[in-house]
Amino acid sequence: MPLTWKDSGLRWYWVAVLVFLADQLSKQWVLANFNLFESVQLLPFFNFTYVRNYGAAFSFLSEAGGWQRWLFTIVAVGFSTLLTVWLRKQSASLWKLNLAYTLVIGGALGNLIDRLMHGFVVDFIDFYWGNSHYPAFNIADAAICVGAVLIIWDSFFSAKSEQDTTEGVKK
């Protein structure tokens, strides 16, 4: 474990703060300027549309009756805590993994605040093709997805680079 927080992955926590702020500021702007389901077309495949998500990704468990709000709160706090502990234990030089963890933390905390303040998550990014719409999402959701992809990417490519390094030592 690195000796100081500056030498650890915690040095990357500023990314989580930026994601959180961008997410919350964008959601506050939507709440102040849009009525529920109001939509503005920005591009032929992209709308700014205010919707509420009472569930998780793709409205998973949105009709569950309210208990899911607390489940997702516990999950967000749990994952954010776990990733923060992992950040503290790893070197600041592991930039891909540190970036991934802080993206997930910032997104999880952004959606957590929505759930605690409103009982739902504010979504507004609406991509579509013809009449087919991708589920609306927000900056926090995008950060979580990018972070998850980076974690998966790192699990494949860091394992390969470690294998290449150990094979080079054996020769």
N, C-alpha and C. Protein backbone atom coordinates (compact mmCIF):
# COMPACT_ATOMS: atom_id res chain seq x y z
N MET A 1 0.85 -1.18 0.00
CA MET A 1 0.00 0.00 0.00
C MET A 1 0.90 1.24 0.00
N PRO A 2 0.58 2.23 -0.86
CA PRO A 2 1.37 3.46 -0.88
C PRO A 2 1.36 4.14 0.49
N LEU A 3 2.47 4.82 0.80
CA LEU A 3 2.61 5.42 2.11
C LEU A 3 1.67 6.59 2.35
N THR A 4 1.47 7.45 1.37
CA THR A 4 0.60 8.61 1.55
C THR A 4 -0.55 8.56 0.55
N TRP A 5 -1.58 9.34 0.82
CA TRP A 5 -2.72 9.37 -0.10
C TRP A 5 -2.30 9.96 -1.44
N LYS A 6 -1.29 10.85 -1.44
CA LYS A 6 -0.81 11.44 -2.69
C LYS A 6 -0.16 10.42 -3.60
N ASP A 7 0.40 9.37 -3.03
CA ASP A 7 1.03 8.31 -3.82
C ASP A 7 0.03 7.23 -4.20
N SER A 8 -1.17 7.31 -3.65
CA SER A 8 -2.19 6.29 -3.90
C SER A 8 -3.16 6.76 -4.98
N GLY A 9 -4.08 5.88 -5.32
CA GLY A 9 -5.12 6.21 -6.29
C GLY A 9 -6.06 7.30 -5.81
N LEU A 10 -6.05 7.61 -4.52
CA LEU A 10 -6.90 8.70 -4.00
C LEU A 10 -6.54 10.03 -4.64
N ARG A 11 -5.34 10.11 -5.16
CA ARG A 11 -4.91 11.33 -5.84
C ARG A 11 -5.83 11.64 -7.03
N TRP A 12 -6.51 10.64 -7.54
CA TRP A 12 -7.41 10.78 -8.69
C TRP A 12 -8.83 11.14 -8.28
N TYR A 13 -9.09 11.35 -7.01
CA TYR A 13 -10.46 11.60 -6.55
C TYR A 13 -11.07 12.88 -7.14
N TRP A 14 -10.24 13.76 -7.64
CA TRP A 14 -10.74 14.98 -8.28
C TRP A 14 -11.65 14.64 -9.46
N VAL A 15 -11.41 13.51 -10.13
CA VAL A 15 -12.27 13.09 -11.24
C VAL A 15 -13.68 12.81 -10.72
N ALA A 16 -13.78 12.12 -9.59
CA ALA A 16 -15.09 11.84 -9.00
C ALA A 16 -15.82 13.14 -8.66
N VAL A 17 -15.08 14.10 -8.14
CA VAL A 17 -15.68 15.39 -7.78
C VAL A 17 -16.17 16.11 -9.04
N LEU A 18 -15.38 16.10 -10.11
CA LEU A 18 -15.80 16.75 -11.36
C LEU A 18 -17.04 16.09 -11.96
N VAL A 19 -17.06 14.76 -11.97
CA VAL A 19 -18.23 14.04 -12.48
C VAL A 19 -19.45 14.38 -11.65
N PHE A 20 -19.30 14.33 -10.35
CA PHE A 20 -20.41 14.64 -9.44
C PHE A 20 -20.95 16.05 -9.69
N LEU A 21 -20.06 17.03 -9.77
CA LEU A 21 -20.48 18.42 -9.99
C LEU A 21 -21.15 18.61 -11.35
N ALA A 22 -20.55 18.07 -12.40
CA ALA A 22 -21.14 18.19 -13.74
C ALA A 22 -22.52 17.54 -13.77
N ASP A 23 -22.64 16.38 -13.13
CA ASP A 23 -23.92 15.68 -13.09
C ASP A 23 -24.97 16.47 -12.33
N GLN A 24 -24.63 16.93 -11.15
CA GLN A 24 -25.61 17.65 -10.33
C GLN A 24 -25.99 19.00 -10.93
N LEU A 25 -25.01 19.71 -11.48
CA LEU A 25 -25.32 21.00 -12.11
C LEU A 25 -26.23 20.82 -13.33
N SER A 26 -25.96 19.80 -14.13
CA SER A 26 -26.80 19.56 -15.31
C SER A 26 -28.22 19.16 -14.90
N LYS A 27 -28.34 18.36 -13.87
CA LYS A 27 -29.67 17.95 -13.40
C LYS A 27 -30.44 19.13 -12.80
N GLN A 28 -29.76 19.99 -12.07
CA GLN A 28 -30.42 21.17 -11.52
C GLN A 28 -30.90 22.10 -12.63
N TRP A 29 -30.10 22.21 -13.70
CA TRP A 29 -30.49 23.03 -14.84
C TRP A 29 -31.74 22.44 -15.49
N VAL A 30 -31.77 21.12 -15.66
CA VAL A 30 -32.94 20.46 -16.26
C VAL A 30 -34.17 20.68 -15.38
N LEU A 31 -34.04 20.48 -14.08
CA LEU A 31 -35.18 20.67 -13.18
C LEU A 31 -35.70 22.11 -13.20
N ALA A 32 -34.80 23.07 -13.36
CA ALA A 32 -35.20 24.48 -13.35
C ALA A 32 -35.80 24.93 -14.68
N ASN A 33 -35.48 24.23 -15.77
CA ASN A 33 -35.86 24.73 -17.09
C ASN A 33 -36.80 23.83 -17.90
N PHE A 34 -37.09 22.63 -17.42
CA PHE A 34 -37.92 21.70 -18.17
C PHE A 34 -39.08 21.20 -17.31
N ASN A 35 -40.19 20.98 -17.94
CA ASN A 35 -41.29 20.25 -17.31
C ASN A 35 -41.08 18.77 -17.59
N LEU A 36 -41.65 17.93 -16.75
CA LEU A 36 -41.53 16.49 -16.94
C LEU A 36 -41.99 16.12 -18.35
N PHE A 37 -41.20 15.34 -19.05
CA PHE A 37 -41.41 14.85 -20.42
C PHE A 37 -41.23 15.92 -21.50
N GLU A 38 -40.89 17.14 -21.10
CA GLU A 38 -40.61 18.18 -22.10
C GLU A 38 -39.34 17.79 -22.85
N SER A 39 -39.33 18.04 -24.15
CA SER A 39 -38.22 17.59 -24.99
C SER A 39 -37.85 18.67 -25.99
N VAL A 40 -36.54 18.82 -26.22
CA VAL A 40 -36.03 19.74 -27.22
C VAL A 40 -35.09 18.95 -28.13
N GLN A 41 -35.36 18.98 -29.43
CA GLN A 41 -34.50 18.29 -30.38
C GLN A 41 -33.25 19.12 -30.63
N LEU A 42 -32.08 18.51 -30.42
CA LEU A 42 -30.82 19.20 -30.66
C LEU A 42 -30.17 18.76 -31.96
N LEU A 43 -30.32 17.48 -32.29
CA LEU A 43 -29.79 16.90 -33.52
C LEU A 43 -30.83 15.91 -34.04
N PRO A 44 -30.72 15.47 -35.28
CA PRO A 44 -31.71 14.53 -35.81
C PRO A 44 -31.75 13.17 -35.09
N PHE A 45 -30.84 12.94 -34.18
CA PHE A 45 -30.78 11.68 -33.43
C PHE A 45 -30.62 11.90 -31.92
N PHE A 46 -30.79 13.15 -31.48
CA PHE A 46 -30.51 13.47 -30.07
C PHE A 46 -31.47 14.54 -29.56
N ASN A 47 -32.15 14.22 -28.46
CA ASN A 47 -33.04 15.15 -27.78
C ASN A 47 -32.54 15.39 -26.36
N PHE A 48 -32.91 16.53 -25.82
CA PHE A 48 -32.78 16.82 -24.40
C PHE A 48 -34.19 16.63 -23.87
N THR A 49 -34.44 15.56 -23.11
CA THR A 49 -35.78 15.21 -22.65
C THR A 49 -35.74 14.91 -21.16
N TYR A 50 -36.55 15.61 -20.38
CA TYR A 50 -36.59 15.38 -18.93
C TYR A 50 -37.51 14.22 -18.61
N VAL A 51 -36.92 13.17 -18.04
CA VAL A 51 -37.69 12.02 -17.54
C VAL A 51 -37.18 11.66 -16.16
N ARG A 52 -37.98 10.91 -15.44
CA ARG A 52 -37.60 10.44 -14.11
C ARG A 52 -37.42 8.93 -14.14
N ASN A 53 -36.37 8.47 -13.47
CA ASN A 53 -36.10 7.04 -13.39
C ASN A 53 -36.18 6.63 -11.92
N TYR A 54 -37.17 5.84 -11.59
CA TYR A 54 -37.36 5.38 -10.21
C TYR A 54 -36.60 4.08 -9.94
N GLY A 55 -35.99 3.53 -10.97
CA GLY A 55 -35.25 2.28 -10.84
C GLY A 55 -33.76 2.52 -11.01
N ALA A 56 -33.13 1.51 -11.59
CA ALA A 56 -31.69 1.60 -11.88
C ALA A 56 -31.53 1.67 -13.40
N ALA A 57 -30.45 1.15 -13.91
CA ALA A 57 -30.17 1.19 -15.34
C ALA A 57 -31.35 0.65 -16.14
N PHE A 58 -31.72 1.39 -17.18
CA PHE A 58 -32.83 1.02 -18.06
C PHE A 58 -34.13 0.83 -17.29
N SER A 59 -34.28 1.59 -16.21
CA SER A 59 -35.48 1.57 -15.34
C SER A 59 -35.70 0.22 -14.66
N PHE A 60 -34.63 -0.53 -14.46
CA PHE A 60 -34.71 -1.82 -13.76
C PHE A 60 -35.33 -1.61 -12.38
N LEU A 61 -36.36 -2.34 -12.05
CA LEU A 61 -37.10 -2.30 -10.79
C LEU A 61 -37.83 -0.97 -10.56
N SER A 62 -38.11 -0.22 -11.61
CA SER A 62 -38.76 1.08 -11.42
C SER A 62 -40.18 0.95 -10.89
N GLU A 63 -40.82 -0.18 -11.08
CA GLU A 63 -42.19 -0.39 -10.62
C GLU A 63 -42.25 -1.22 -9.33
N ALA A 64 -41.16 -1.28 -8.59
CA ALA A 64 -41.06 -2.19 -7.45
C ALA A 64 -41.77 -1.68 -6.19
N GLY A 65 -42.24 -0.46 -6.16
CA GLY A 65 -43.02 0.00 -5.03
C GLY A 65 -42.29 0.87 -4.03
N GLY A 66 -41.05 1.22 -4.28
CA GLY A 66 -40.34 2.16 -3.42
C GLY A 66 -39.15 1.59 -2.66
N TRP A 67 -39.17 0.30 -2.35
CA TRP A 67 -38.05 -0.28 -1.59
C TRP A 67 -36.75 -0.23 -2.38
N GLN A 68 -36.84 -0.22 -3.72
CA GLN A 68 -35.64 -0.22 -4.56
C GLN A 68 -34.80 1.04 -4.37
N ARG A 69 -35.46 2.13 -3.98
CA ARG A 69 -34.72 3.38 -3.71
C ARG A 69 -33.65 3.13 -2.65
N TRP A 70 -34.01 2.40 -1.60
CA TRP A 70 -33.07 2.14 -0.51
C TRP A 70 -32.05 1.08 -0.88
N LEU A 71 -32.46 0.11 -1.68
CA LEU A 71 -31.50 -0.90 -2.17
C LEU A 71 -30.42 -0.22 -2.99
N PHE A 72 -30.81 0.64 -3.94
CA PHE A 72 -29.83 1.32 -4.79
C PHE A 72 -28.99 2.31 -4.00
N THR A 73 -29.54 2.87 -2.93
CA THR A 73 -28.77 3.74 -2.04
C THR A 73 -27.66 2.94 -1.36
N ILE A 74 -28.02 1.77 -0.83
CA ILE A 74 -27.03 0.91 -0.17
C ILE A 74 -25.97 0.45 -1.16
N VAL A 75 -26.38 0.07 -2.36
CA VAL A 75 -25.44 -0.37 -3.39
C VAL A 75 -24.47 0.77 -3.75
N ALA A 76 -24.99 1.98 -3.94
CA ALA A 76 -24.14 3.13 -4.30
C ALA A 76 -23.13 3.43 -3.21
N VAL A 77 -23.59 3.45 -1.96
CA VAL A 77 -22.68 3.72 -0.84
C VAL A 77 -21.65 2.60 -0.72
N GLY A 78 -22.10 1.36 -0.84
CA GLY A 78 -21.21 0.21 -0.73
C GLY A 78 -20.12 0.20 -1.80
N PHE A 79 -20.52 0.36 -3.06
CA PHE A 79 -19.54 0.36 -4.14
C PHE A 79 -18.60 1.56 -4.05
N SER A 80 -19.12 2.72 -3.71
CA SER A 80 -18.27 3.90 -3.58
C SER A 80 -17.24 3.71 -2.47
N THR A 81 -17.66 3.12 -1.36
CA THR A 81 -16.74 2.84 -0.25
C THR A 81 -15.68 1.83 -0.66
N LEU A 82 -16.11 0.74 -1.28
CA LEU A 82 -15.19 -0.31 -1.72
C LEU A 82 -14.17 0.23 -2.72
N LEU A 83 -14.62 0.99 -3.70
CA LEU A 83 -13.71 1.55 -4.70
C LEU A 83 -12.76 2.56 -4.08
N THR A 84 -13.23 3.31 -3.09
CA THR A 84 -12.35 4.26 -2.39
C THR A 84 -11.26 3.52 -1.63
N VAL A 85 -11.61 2.42 -0.97
CA VAL A 85 -10.61 1.61 -0.27
C VAL A 85 -9.59 1.06 -1.27
N TRP A 86 -10.07 0.57 -2.41
CA TRP A 86 -9.15 0.06 -3.44
C TRP A 86 -8.25 1.16 -3.98
N LEU A 87 -8.81 2.37 -4.16
CA LEU A 87 -7.99 3.50 -4.62
C LEU A 87 -6.86 3.77 -3.64
N ARG A 88 -7.17 3.70 -2.36
CA ARG A 88 -6.15 3.98 -1.32
C ARG A 88 -5.04 2.93 -1.36
N LYS A 89 -5.36 1.72 -1.76
CA LYS A 89 -4.38 0.63 -1.73
C LYS A 89 -3.53 0.54 -2.99
N GLN A 90 -3.90 1.25 -4.04
CA GLN A 90 -3.12 1.11 -5.27
C GLN A 90 -2.36 2.39 -5.60
N SER A 91 -1.36 2.24 -6.42
CA SER A 91 -0.49 3.34 -6.80
C SER A 91 -1.22 4.37 -7.67
N ALA A 92 -0.84 5.62 -7.51
CA ALA A 92 -1.41 6.69 -8.33
C ALA A 92 -1.04 6.53 -9.80
N SER A 93 -0.01 5.75 -10.08
CA SER A 93 0.45 5.56 -11.46
C SER A 93 -0.46 4.63 -12.27
N LEU A 94 -1.35 3.90 -11.63
CA LEU A 94 -2.28 3.02 -12.35
C LEU A 94 -3.44 3.87 -12.86
N TRP A 95 -3.17 4.72 -13.82
CA TRP A 95 -4.10 5.76 -14.23
C TRP A 95 -5.40 5.21 -14.80
N LYS A 96 -5.37 4.14 -15.59
CA LYS A 96 -6.61 3.63 -16.18
C LYS A 96 -7.58 3.13 -15.10
N LEU A 97 -7.05 2.38 -14.17
CA LEU A 97 -7.90 1.82 -13.12
C LEU A 97 -8.36 2.92 -12.15
N ASN A 98 -7.49 3.84 -11.81
CA ASN A 98 -7.87 4.97 -10.95
C ASN A 98 -8.94 5.83 -11.61
N LEU A 99 -8.76 6.11 -12.89
CA LEU A 99 -9.76 6.87 -13.64
C LEU A 99 -11.09 6.12 -13.65
N ALA A 100 -11.04 4.83 -13.92
CA ALA A 100 -12.26 4.02 -13.95
C ALA A 100 -12.99 4.06 -12.61
N TYR A 101 -12.28 3.82 -11.54
CA TYR A 101 -12.90 3.81 -10.21
C TYR A 101 -13.52 5.16 -9.87
N THR A 102 -12.80 6.25 -10.18
CA THR A 102 -13.33 7.57 -9.82
C THR A 102 -14.52 7.96 -10.70
N LEU A 103 -14.55 7.51 -11.95
CA LEU A 103 -15.73 7.74 -12.79
C LEU A 103 -16.95 7.04 -12.19
N VAL A 104 -16.78 5.80 -11.76
CA VAL A 104 -17.88 5.05 -11.16
C VAL A 104 -18.33 5.70 -9.85
N ILE A 105 -17.37 6.10 -9.02
CA ILE A 105 -17.71 6.74 -7.75
C ILE A 105 -18.48 8.04 -7.98
N GLY A 106 -17.98 8.90 -8.85
CA GLY A 106 -18.65 10.17 -9.13
C GLY A 106 -20.06 9.95 -9.65
N GLY A 107 -20.24 9.00 -10.56
CA GLY A 107 -21.56 8.70 -11.09
C GLY A 107 -22.49 8.11 -10.04
N ALA A 108 -21.97 7.19 -9.25
CA ALA A 108 -22.80 6.56 -8.22
C ALA A 108 -23.28 7.59 -7.20
N LEU A 109 -22.38 8.48 -6.80
CA LEU A 109 -22.76 9.51 -5.82
C LEU A 109 -23.72 10.53 -6.42
N GLY A 110 -23.55 10.85 -7.70
CA GLY A 110 -24.48 11.76 -8.37
C GLY A 110 -25.90 11.22 -8.39
N ASN A 111 -26.05 9.95 -8.75
CA ASN A 111 -27.38 9.35 -8.75
C ASN A 111 -27.90 9.11 -7.33
N LEU A 112 -27.00 8.84 -6.40
CA LEU A 112 -27.39 8.67 -5.00
C LEU A 112 -28.06 9.94 -4.46
N ILE A 113 -27.48 11.08 -4.74
CA ILE A 113 -28.06 12.35 -4.27
C ILE A 113 -29.46 12.53 -4.83
N ASP A 114 -29.65 12.20 -6.11
CA ASP A 114 -30.99 12.29 -6.70
C ASP A 114 -31.98 11.41 -5.95
N ARG A 115 -31.59 10.19 -5.70
CA ARG A 115 -32.50 9.26 -5.01
C ARG A 115 -32.86 9.76 -3.62
N LEU A 116 -31.88 10.29 -2.92
CA LEU A 116 -32.14 10.77 -1.56
C LEU A 116 -32.96 12.07 -1.56
N MET A 117 -32.70 12.96 -2.51
CA MET A 117 -33.39 14.25 -2.54
C MET A 117 -34.78 14.17 -3.17
N HIS A 118 -34.92 13.38 -4.24
CA HIS A 118 -36.15 13.38 -5.02
C HIS A 118 -36.91 12.06 -4.99
N GLY A 119 -36.21 10.97 -4.68
CA GLY A 119 -36.84 9.65 -4.76
C GLY A 119 -36.76 9.06 -6.16
N PHE A 120 -36.10 9.74 -7.07
CA PHE A 120 -35.89 9.28 -8.45
C PHE A 120 -34.62 9.93 -8.97
N VAL A 121 -34.15 9.41 -10.12
CA VAL A 121 -32.98 9.96 -10.78
C VAL A 121 -33.44 10.77 -11.98
N VAL A 122 -32.89 11.96 -12.13
CA VAL A 122 -33.21 12.83 -13.26
C VAL A 122 -32.39 12.37 -14.47
N ASP A 123 -33.08 12.01 -15.55
CA ASP A 123 -32.44 11.63 -16.81
C ASP A 123 -32.86 12.62 -17.88
N PHE A 124 -31.99 12.86 -18.85
CA PHE A 124 -32.31 13.86 -19.87
C PHE A 124 -31.62 13.66 -21.21
N ILE A 125 -30.66 12.79 -21.30
CA ILE A 125 -29.96 12.55 -22.57
C ILE A 125 -30.72 11.46 -23.32
N ASP A 126 -31.23 11.80 -24.49
CA ASP A 126 -32.12 10.91 -25.24
C ASP A 126 -31.63 10.74 -26.68
N PHE A 127 -30.94 9.63 -26.94
CA PHE A 127 -30.52 9.29 -28.30
C PHE A 127 -31.56 8.40 -28.94
N TYR A 128 -31.77 8.56 -30.25
CA TYR A 128 -32.77 7.76 -30.95
C TYR A 128 -32.42 7.63 -32.42
N TRP A 129 -33.04 6.67 -33.06
CA TRP A 129 -32.93 6.47 -34.51
C TRP A 129 -34.33 6.15 -35.02
N GLY A 130 -34.88 7.02 -35.81
CA GLY A 130 -36.26 6.84 -36.26
C GLY A 130 -37.19 6.93 -35.06
N ASN A 131 -37.95 5.86 -34.83
CA ASN A 131 -38.84 5.81 -33.67
C ASN A 131 -38.26 5.01 -32.51
N SER A 132 -37.03 4.52 -32.66
CA SER A 132 -36.39 3.70 -31.62
C SER A 132 -35.53 4.59 -30.73
N HIS A 133 -35.91 4.67 -29.46
CA HIS A 133 -35.17 5.49 -28.50
C HIS A 133 -34.36 4.61 -27.56
N TYR A 134 -33.08 4.98 -27.38
CA TYR A 134 -32.26 4.38 -26.35
C TYR A 134 -32.78 4.92 -25.02
N PRO A 135 -32.78 4.15 -23.95
CA PRO A 135 -33.27 4.70 -22.68
C PRO A 135 -32.53 5.98 -22.29
N ALA A 136 -33.28 6.96 -21.84
CA ALA A 136 -32.67 8.23 -21.43
C ALA A 136 -31.70 8.00 -20.28
N PHE A 137 -30.66 8.81 -20.24
CA PHE A 137 -29.66 8.68 -19.18
C PHE A 137 -29.14 10.07 -18.82
N ASN A 138 -28.11 10.12 -17.97
CA ASN A 138 -27.54 11.39 -17.52
C ASN A 138 -26.02 11.28 -17.47
N ILE A 139 -25.36 12.33 -17.02
CA ILE A 139 -23.90 12.34 -16.97
C ILE A 139 -23.37 11.28 -16.00
N ALA A 140 -24.04 11.08 -14.88
CA ALA A 140 -23.62 10.05 -13.91
C ALA A 140 -23.67 8.67 -14.54
N ASP A 141 -24.75 8.37 -15.27
CA ASP A 141 -24.87 7.08 -15.92
C ASP A 141 -23.75 6.87 -16.94
N ALA A 142 -23.47 7.92 -17.72
CA ALA A 142 -22.40 7.83 -18.72
C ALA A 142 -21.05 7.57 -18.05
N ALA A 143 -20.78 8.25 -16.93
CA ALA A 143 -19.52 8.06 -16.21
C ALA A 143 -19.41 6.64 -15.67
N ILE A 144 -20.50 6.11 -15.13
CA ILE A 144 -20.49 4.74 -14.61
C ILE A 144 -20.21 3.76 -15.74
N CYS A 145 -20.84 3.94 -16.89
CA CYS A 145 -20.63 3.03 -18.03
C CYS A 145 -19.19 3.10 -18.54
N VAL A 146 -18.67 4.31 -18.71
CA VAL A 146 -17.28 4.46 -19.17
C VAL A 146 -16.33 3.84 -18.14
N GLY A 147 -16.58 4.08 -16.85
CA GLY A 147 -15.74 3.49 -15.80
C GLY A 147 -15.79 1.97 -15.83
N ALA A 148 -16.97 1.41 -16.01
CA ALA A 148 -17.11 -0.05 -16.07
C ALA A 148 -16.35 -0.63 -17.27
N VAL A 149 -16.45 0.03 -18.41
CA VAL A 149 -15.72 -0.43 -19.60
C VAL A 149 -14.21 -0.37 -19.36
N LEU A 150 -13.74 0.70 -18.73
CA LEU A 150 -12.31 0.80 -18.41
C LEU A 150 -11.85 -0.28 -17.44
N ILE A 151 -12.69 -0.62 -16.48
CA ILE A 151 -12.35 -1.70 -15.54
C ILE A 151 -12.23 -3.02 -16.29
N ILE A 152 -13.18 -3.30 -17.16
CA ILE A 152 -13.14 -4.54 -17.94
C ILE A 152 -11.92 -4.52 -18.86
N TRP A 153 -11.69 -3.42 -19.54
CA TRP A 153 -10.53 -3.27 -20.43
C TRP A 153 -9.24 -3.55 -19.65
N ASP A 154 -9.12 -2.92 -18.49
CA ASP A 154 -7.92 -3.10 -17.68
C ASP A 154 -7.74 -4.55 -17.24
N SER A 155 -8.84 -5.22 -16.94
CA SER A 155 -8.72 -6.61 -16.49
C SER A 155 -8.17 -7.51 -17.59
N PHE A 156 -8.46 -7.19 -18.84
CA PHE A 156 -7.93 -7.98 -19.95
C PHE A 156 -6.51 -7.59 -20.30
N PHE A 157 -6.25 -6.30 -20.42
CA PHE A 157 -4.97 -5.86 -20.93
C PHE A 157 -3.88 -5.77 -19.88
N SER A 158 -4.21 -5.49 -18.62
CA SER A 158 -3.17 -5.49 -17.60
C SER A 158 -2.75 -6.93 -17.30
N ALA A 159 -3.68 -7.87 -17.38
CA ALA A 159 -3.33 -9.28 -17.19
C ALA A 159 -2.39 -9.74 -18.30
N LYS A 160 -2.63 -9.31 -19.54
CA LYS A 160 -1.78 -9.68 -20.66
C LYS A 160 -0.40 -9.06 -20.51
N SER A 161 -0.32 -7.77 -20.10
CA SER A 161 0.98 -7.12 -19.96
C SER A 161 1.77 -7.74 -18.80
N GLU A 162 1.07 -8.16 -17.72
CA GLU A 162 1.76 -8.84 -16.62
C GLU A 162 2.28 -10.19 -17.08
N GLN A 163 1.49 -10.90 -17.90
CA GLN A 163 1.90 -12.21 -18.43
C GLN A 163 3.12 -12.03 -19.34
N ASP A 164 3.09 -11.01 -20.22
CA ASP A 164 4.22 -10.74 -21.09
C ASP A 164 5.48 -10.43 -20.29
N THR A 165 5.33 -9.66 -19.19
CA THR A 165 6.45 -9.30 -18.35
C THR A 165 7.04 -10.53 -17.68
N THR A 166 6.19 -11.40 -17.13
CA THR A 166 6.71 -12.60 -16.45
C THR A 166 7.31 -13.58 -17.44
N GLU A 167 6.78 -13.65 -18.65
CA GLU A 167 7.37 -14.52 -19.66
C GLU A 167 8.74 -13.99 -20.08
N GLY A 168 8.89 -12.67 -20.15
CA GLY A 168 10.17 -12.06 -20.48
C GLY A 168 11.22 -12.33 -19.43
N VAL A 169 10.81 -12.40 -18.16
CA VAL A 169 11.73 -12.67 -17.06
C VAL A 169 12.18 -14.14 -17.11
N LYS A 170 11.27 -15.05 -17.49
CA LYS A 170 11.59 -16.48 -17.53
C LYS A 170 12.59 -16.81 -18.64
N LYS A 171 12.58 -16.04 -19.72
CA LYS A 171 13.48 -16.34 -20.86
C LYS A 171 14.86 -16.04 -20.51
